[in-house]
Amino acid sequence: MEVMKFRILIEQDEDGMYVVECTNLPGCISQGKTKVEAIKNIKEAIKGYIESLKKHNEPIPVKLD
């Protein structure tokens, strides 16, 4: 299995939720009540995003920001 690394940004919003974004994958955003939950959720979102790119024969970004 290939290991890919992506940089993520985590911010806490005004309601206390943690919002996390994968900067290499436009629109790949998730959230969680805790940082741990937010990171778990973005990992799932990244996995789904990559699977969709593969399904549609689109290139997978490999460059870290």
PDB file of N, CA and C in Angstrom:
ATOM      1  N   MET A   1       0.836  -1.180   0.000  1.00  0.00           N
ATOM      2  CA  MET A   1       0.000   0.000   0.000  1.00  0.00           C
ATOM      3  C   MET A   1       0.878   1.240   0.000  1.00  0.00           C
ATOM      4  N   GLU A   2       0.510   2.196  -0.841  1.00  0.00           N
ATOM      5  CA  GLU A   2       1.253   3.439  -0.969  1.00  0.00           C
ATOM      6  C   GLU A   2       0.867   4.406   0.149  1.00  0.00           C
ATOM      7  N   VAL A   3       1.866   5.019   0.771  1.00  0.00           N
ATOM      8  CA  VAL A   3       1.621   6.006   1.822  1.00  0.00           C
ATOM      9  C   VAL A   3       1.769   7.395   1.213  1.00  0.00           C
ATOM     10  N   MET A   4       0.734   8.185   1.368  1.00  0.00           N
ATOM     11  CA  MET A   4       0.767   9.557   0.862  1.00  0.00           C
ATOM     12  C   MET A   4       0.630  10.499   2.053  1.00  0.00           C
ATOM     13  N   LYS A   5       1.344  11.610   1.985  1.00  0.00           N
ATOM     14  CA  LYS A   5       1.271  12.595   3.054  1.00  0.00           C
ATOM     15  C   LYS A   5       0.696  13.888   2.490  1.00  0.00           C
ATOM     16  N   PHE A   6      -0.252  14.452   3.231  1.00  0.00           N
ATOM     17  CA  PHE A   6      -0.856  15.719   2.867  1.00  0.00           C
ATOM     18  C   PHE A   6      -0.851  16.640   4.072  1.00  0.00           C
ATOM     19  N   ARG A   7      -0.589  17.893   3.823  1.00  0.00           N
ATOM     20  CA  ARG A   7      -0.622  18.891   4.895  1.00  0.00           C
ATOM     21  C   ARG A   7      -2.075  19.280   5.145  1.00  0.00           C
ATOM     22  N   ILE A   8      -2.422  19.431   6.428  1.00  0.00           N
ATOM     23  CA  ILE A   8      -3.760  19.867   6.780  1.00  0.00           C
ATOM     24  C   ILE A   8      -3.675  21.105   7.663  1.00  0.00           C
ATOM     25  N   LEU A   9      -4.733  21.903   7.629  1.00  0.00           N
ATOM     26  CA  LEU A   9      -4.841  23.074   8.489  1.00  0.00           C
ATOM     27  C   LEU A   9      -6.030  22.862   9.418  1.00  0.00           C
ATOM     28  N   ILE A  10      -5.835  23.129  10.708  1.00  0.00           N
ATOM     29  CA  ILE A  10      -6.903  22.974  11.687  1.00  0.00           C
ATOM     30  C   ILE A  10      -7.147  24.321  12.353  1.00  0.00           C
ATOM     31  N   GLU A  11      -8.419  24.711  12.399  1.00  0.00           N
ATOM     32  CA  GLU A  11      -8.813  25.937  13.091  1.00  0.00           C
ATOM     33  C   GLU A  11     -10.032  25.643  13.945  1.00  0.00           C
ATOM     34  N   GLN A  12     -10.149  26.347  15.040  1.00  0.00           N
ATOM     35  CA  GLN A  12     -11.327  26.198  15.883  1.00  0.00           C
ATOM     36  C   GLN A  12     -12.277  27.347  15.544  1.00  0.00           C
ATOM     37  N   ASP A  13     -13.545  27.004  15.238  1.00  0.00           N
ATOM     38  CA  ASP A  13     -14.503  28.043  14.881  1.00  0.00           C
ATOM     39  C   ASP A  13     -15.148  28.665  16.112  1.00  0.00           C
ATOM     40  N   GLU A  14     -16.024  29.613  15.885  1.00  0.00           N
ATOM     41  CA  GLU A  14     -16.641  30.357  16.988  1.00  0.00           C
ATOM     42  C   GLU A  14     -17.533  29.491  17.876  1.00  0.00           C
ATOM     43  N   ASP A  15     -17.958  28.337  17.359  1.00  0.00           N
ATOM     44  CA  ASP A  15     -18.787  27.416  18.144  1.00  0.00           C
ATOM     45  C   ASP A  15     -17.970  26.351  18.870  1.00  0.00           C
ATOM     46  N   GLY A  16     -16.632  26.410  18.723  1.00  0.00           N
ATOM     47  CA  GLY A  16     -15.765  25.452  19.392  1.00  0.00           C
ATOM     48  C   GLY A  16     -15.456  24.204  18.572  1.00  0.00           C
ATOM     49  N   MET A  17     -16.039  24.101  17.369  1.00  0.00           N
ATOM     50  CA  MET A  17     -15.759  22.953  16.492  1.00  0.00           C
ATOM     51  C   MET A  17     -14.389  23.145  15.835  1.00  0.00           C
ATOM     52  N   TYR A  18     -13.728  22.039  15.579  1.00  0.00           N
ATOM     53  CA  TYR A  18     -12.446  22.075  14.869  1.00  0.00           C
ATOM     54  C   TYR A  18     -12.711  21.802  13.400  1.00  0.00           C
ATOM     55  N   VAL A  19     -12.321  22.760  12.564  1.00  0.00           N
ATOM     56  CA  VAL A  19     -12.492  22.654  11.125  1.00  0.00           C
ATOM     57  C   VAL A  19     -11.121  22.360  10.539  1.00  0.00           C
ATOM     58  N   VAL A  20     -11.067  21.348   9.689  1.00  0.00           N
ATOM     59  CA  VAL A  20      -9.786  20.916   9.133  1.00  0.00           C
ATOM     60  C   VAL A  20      -9.898  20.839   7.620  1.00  0.00           C
ATOM     61  N   GLU A  21      -8.833  21.301   6.946  1.00  0.00           N
ATOM     62  CA  GLU A  21      -8.818  21.363   5.490  1.00  0.00           C
ATOM     63  C   GLU A  21      -7.526  20.759   4.966  1.00  0.00           C
ATOM     64  N   CYS A  22      -7.640  19.980   3.900  1.00  0.00           N
ATOM     65  CA  CYS A  22      -6.457  19.473   3.209  1.00  0.00           C
ATOM     66  C   CYS A  22      -6.157  20.445   2.084  1.00  0.00           C
ATOM     67  N   THR A  23      -5.073  21.188   2.207  1.00  0.00           N
ATOM     68  CA  THR A  23      -4.778  22.272   1.274  1.00  0.00           C
ATOM     69  C   THR A  23      -4.451  21.797  -0.133  1.00  0.00           C
ATOM     70  N   ASN A  24      -3.995  20.569  -0.297  1.00  0.00           N
ATOM     71  CA  ASN A  24      -3.661  20.040  -1.623  1.00  0.00           C
ATOM     72  C   ASN A  24      -4.881  19.569  -2.403  1.00  0.00           C
ATOM     73  N   LEU A  25      -5.979  19.342  -1.709  1.00  0.00           N
ATOM     74  CA  LEU A  25      -7.168  18.783  -2.336  1.00  0.00           C
ATOM     75  C   LEU A  25      -8.309  19.788  -2.212  1.00  0.00           C
ATOM     76  N   PRO A  26      -8.539  20.600  -3.242  1.00  0.00           N
ATOM     77  CA  PRO A  26      -9.551  21.649  -3.177  1.00  0.00           C
ATOM     78  C   PRO A  26     -10.923  21.116  -2.751  1.00  0.00           C
ATOM     79  N   GLY A  27     -11.488  21.752  -1.749  1.00  0.00           N
ATOM     80  CA  GLY A  27     -12.803  21.361  -1.263  1.00  0.00           C
ATOM     81  C   GLY A  27     -12.809  20.212  -0.279  1.00  0.00           C
ATOM     82  N   CYS A  28     -11.642  19.679   0.057  1.00  0.00           N
ATOM     83  CA  CYS A  28     -11.563  18.566   1.000  1.00  0.00           C
ATOM     84  C   CYS A  28     -11.470  19.140   2.412  1.00  0.00           C
ATOM     85  N   ILE A  29     -12.646  19.243   3.048  1.00  0.00           N
ATOM     86  CA  ILE A  29     -12.772  19.874   4.352  1.00  0.00           C
ATOM     87  C   ILE A  29     -13.617  18.976   5.252  1.00  0.00           C
ATOM     88  N   SER A  30     -13.289  18.949   6.527  1.00  0.00           N
ATOM     89  CA  SER A  30     -14.083  18.190   7.490  1.00  0.00           C
ATOM     90  C   SER A  30     -14.053  18.932   8.818  1.00  0.00           C
ATOM     91  N   GLN A  31     -14.639  18.329   9.841  1.00  0.00           N
ATOM     92  CA  GLN A  31     -14.659  18.955  11.155  1.00  0.00           C
ATOM     93  C   GLN A  31     -14.840  17.904  12.231  1.00  0.00           C
ATOM     94  N   GLY A  32     -14.714  18.326  13.477  1.00  0.00           N
ATOM     95  CA  GLY A  32     -14.932  17.439  14.610  1.00  0.00           C
ATOM     96  C   GLY A  32     -15.054  18.233  15.884  1.00  0.00           C
ATOM     97  N   LYS A  33     -15.599  17.597  16.915  1.00  0.00           N
ATOM     98  CA  LYS A  33     -15.758  18.257  18.212  1.00  0.00           C
ATOM     99  C   LYS A  33     -14.417  18.420  18.917  1.00  0.00           C
ATOM    100  N   THR A  34     -13.461  17.527  18.597  1.00  0.00           N
ATOM    101  CA  THR A  34     -12.107  17.594  19.153  1.00  0.00           C
ATOM    102  C   THR A  34     -11.111  17.564  18.001  1.00  0.00           C
ATOM    103  N   LYS A  35      -9.848  17.907  18.286  1.00  0.00           N
ATOM    104  CA  LYS A  35      -8.817  17.826  17.248  1.00  0.00           C
ATOM    105  C   LYS A  35      -8.660  16.387  16.760  1.00  0.00           C
ATOM    106  N   VAL A  36      -8.699  15.451  17.695  1.00  0.00           N
ATOM    107  CA  VAL A  36      -8.544  14.037  17.338  1.00  0.00           C
ATOM    108  C   VAL A  36      -9.664  13.600  16.390  1.00  0.00           C
ATOM    109  N   GLU A  37     -10.894  13.980  16.715  1.00  0.00           N
ATOM    110  CA  GLU A  37     -12.022  13.623  15.859  1.00  0.00           C
ATOM    111  C   GLU A  37     -11.911  14.298  14.493  1.00  0.00           C
ATOM    112  N   ALA A  38     -11.493  15.560  14.473  1.00  0.00           N
ATOM    113  CA  ALA A  38     -11.343  16.284  13.217  1.00  0.00           C
ATOM    114  C   ALA A  38     -10.284  15.625  12.329  1.00  0.00           C
ATOM    115  N   ILE A  39      -9.176  15.205  12.915  1.00  0.00           N
ATOM    116  CA  ILE A  39      -8.119  14.540  12.143  1.00  0.00           C
ATOM    117  C   ILE A  39      -8.604  13.198  11.612  1.00  0.00           C
ATOM    118  N   LYS A  40      -9.322  12.456  12.429  1.00  0.00           N
ATOM    119  CA  LYS A  40      -9.893  11.179  11.979  1.00  0.00           C
ATOM    120  C   LYS A  40     -10.829  11.417  10.798  1.00  0.00           C
ATOM    121  N   ASN A  41     -11.664  12.432  10.902  1.00  0.00           N
ATOM    122  CA  ASN A  41     -12.623  12.733   9.849  1.00  0.00           C
ATOM    123  C   ASN A  41     -11.953  13.194   8.556  1.00  0.00           C
ATOM    124  N   ILE A  42     -10.901  14.004   8.654  1.00  0.00           N
ATOM    125  CA  ILE A  42     -10.237  14.463   7.431  1.00  0.00           C
ATOM    126  C   ILE A  42      -9.499  13.309   6.763  1.00  0.00           C
ATOM    127  N   LYS A  43      -8.975  12.376   7.551  1.00  0.00           N
ATOM    128  CA  LYS A  43      -8.328  11.205   6.944  1.00  0.00           C
ATOM    129  C   LYS A  43      -9.330  10.422   6.106  1.00  0.00           C
ATOM    130  N   GLU A  44     -10.554  10.268   6.614  1.00  0.00           N
ATOM    131  CA  GLU A  44     -11.602   9.584   5.856  1.00  0.00           C
ATOM    132  C   GLU A  44     -11.977  10.385   4.614  1.00  0.00           C
ATOM    133  N   ALA A  45     -12.049  11.716   4.751  1.00  0.00           N
ATOM    134  CA  ALA A  45     -12.384  12.570   3.617  1.00  0.00           C
ATOM    135  C   ALA A  45     -11.301  12.503   2.542  1.00  0.00           C
ATOM    136  N   ILE A  46     -10.039  12.505   2.952  1.00  0.00           N
ATOM    137  CA  ILE A  46      -8.927  12.409   2.000  1.00  0.00           C
ATOM    138  C   ILE A  46      -8.988  11.072   1.270  1.00  0.00           C
ATOM    139  N   LYS A  47      -9.236  10.001   2.005  1.00  0.00           N
ATOM    140  CA  LYS A  47      -9.330   8.676   1.395  1.00  0.00           C
ATOM    141  C   LYS A  47     -10.429   8.660   0.324  1.00  0.00           C
ATOM    142  N   GLY A  48     -11.597   9.192   0.652  1.00  0.00           N
ATOM    143  CA  GLY A  48     -12.693   9.245  -0.309  1.00  0.00           C
ATOM    144  C   GLY A  48     -12.365  10.116  -1.506  1.00  0.00           C
ATOM    145  N   TYR A  49     -11.697  11.227  -1.273  1.00  0.00           N
ATOM    146  CA  TYR A  49     -11.306  12.149  -2.339  1.00  0.00           C
ATOM    147  C   TYR A  49     -10.353  11.446  -3.313  1.00  0.00           C
ATOM    148  N   ILE A  50      -9.342  10.766  -2.762  1.00  0.00           N
ATOM    149  CA  ILE A  50      -8.363  10.049  -3.598  1.00  0.00           C
ATOM    150  C   ILE A  50      -9.049   8.933  -4.378  1.00  0.00           C
ATOM    151  N   GLU A  51      -9.945   8.197  -3.739  1.00  0.00           N
ATOM    152  CA  GLU A  51     -10.677   7.135  -4.435  1.00  0.00           C
ATOM    153  C   GLU A  51     -11.479   7.710  -5.598  1.00  0.00           C
ATOM    154  N   SER A  52     -12.083   8.869  -5.410  1.00  0.00           N
ATOM    155  CA  SER A  52     -12.848   9.510  -6.475  1.00  0.00           C
ATOM    156  C   SER A  52     -11.938   9.939  -7.626  1.00  0.00           C
ATOM    157  N   LEU A  53     -10.764  10.502  -7.297  1.00  0.00           N
ATOM    158  CA  LEU A  53      -9.816  10.878  -8.346  1.00  0.00           C
ATOM    159  C   LEU A  53      -9.414   9.660  -9.178  1.00  0.00           C
ATOM    160  N   LYS A  54      -9.107   8.553  -8.496  1.00  0.00           N
ATOM    161  CA  LYS A  54      -8.711   7.325  -9.199  1.00  0.00           C
ATOM    162  C   LYS A  54      -9.843   6.815 -10.081  1.00  0.00           C
ATOM    163  N   LYS A  55     -11.066   6.828  -9.554  1.00  0.00           N
ATOM    164  CA  LYS A  55     -12.227   6.337 -10.291  1.00  0.00           C
ATOM    165  C   LYS A  55     -12.443   7.126 -11.581  1.00  0.00           C
ATOM    166  N   HIS A  56     -12.147   8.427 -11.529  1.00  0.00           N
ATOM    167  CA  HIS A  56     -12.354   9.286 -12.692  1.00  0.00           C
ATOM    168  C   HIS A  56     -11.069   9.510 -13.496  1.00  0.00           C
ATOM    169  N   ASN A  57     -10.041   8.701 -13.222  1.00  0.00           N
ATOM    170  CA  ASN A  57      -8.758   8.791 -13.925  1.00  0.00           C
ATOM    171  C   ASN A  57      -8.175  10.198 -13.909  1.00  0.00           C
ATOM    172  N   GLU A  58      -8.298  10.860 -12.764  1.00  0.00           N
ATOM    173  CA  GLU A  58      -7.741  12.199 -12.612  1.00  0.00           C
ATOM    174  C   GLU A  58      -6.431  12.103 -11.829  1.00  0.00           C
ATOM    175  N   PRO A  59      -5.509  13.039 -12.060  1.00  0.00           N
ATOM    176  CA  PRO A  59      -4.214  12.987 -11.358  1.00  0.00           C
ATOM    177  C   PRO A  59      -4.371  13.221  -9.858  1.00  0.00           C
ATOM    178  N   ILE A  60      -3.530  12.565  -9.102  1.00  0.00           N
ATOM    179  CA  ILE A  60      -3.512  12.710  -7.642  1.00  0.00           C
ATOM    180  C   ILE A  60      -2.378  13.668  -7.286  1.00  0.00           C
ATOM    181  N   PRO A  61      -2.703  14.779  -6.622  1.00  0.00           N
ATOM    182  CA  PRO A  61      -1.644  15.714  -6.221  1.00  0.00           C
ATOM    183  C   PRO A  61      -0.667  15.026  -5.272  1.00  0.00           C
ATOM    184  N   VAL A  62       0.623  15.191  -5.529  1.00  0.00           N
ATOM    185  CA  VAL A  62       1.623  14.565  -4.673  1.00  0.00           C
ATOM    186  C   VAL A  62       2.494  15.585  -3.954  1.00  0.00           C
ATOM    187  N   LYS A  63       2.424  16.829  -4.352  1.00  0.00           N
ATOM    188  CA  LYS A  63       3.263  17.877  -3.752  1.00  0.00           C
ATOM    189  C   LYS A  63       2.645  18.396  -2.465  1.00  0.00           C
ATOM    190  N   LEU A  64       3.429  18.411  -1.396  1.00  0.00           N
ATOM    191  CA  LEU A  64       2.994  19.021  -0.149  1.00  0.00           C
ATOM    192  C   LEU A  64       3.085  20.540  -0.303  1.00  0.00           C
ATOM    193  N   ASP A  65       2.144  21.254   0.283  1.00  0.00           N
ATOM    194  CA  ASP A  65       2.186  22.717   0.285  1.00  0.00           C
ATOM    195  C   ASP A  65       3.339  23.183   1.137  1.00  0.00           C
TER     196      ASP A  65
END
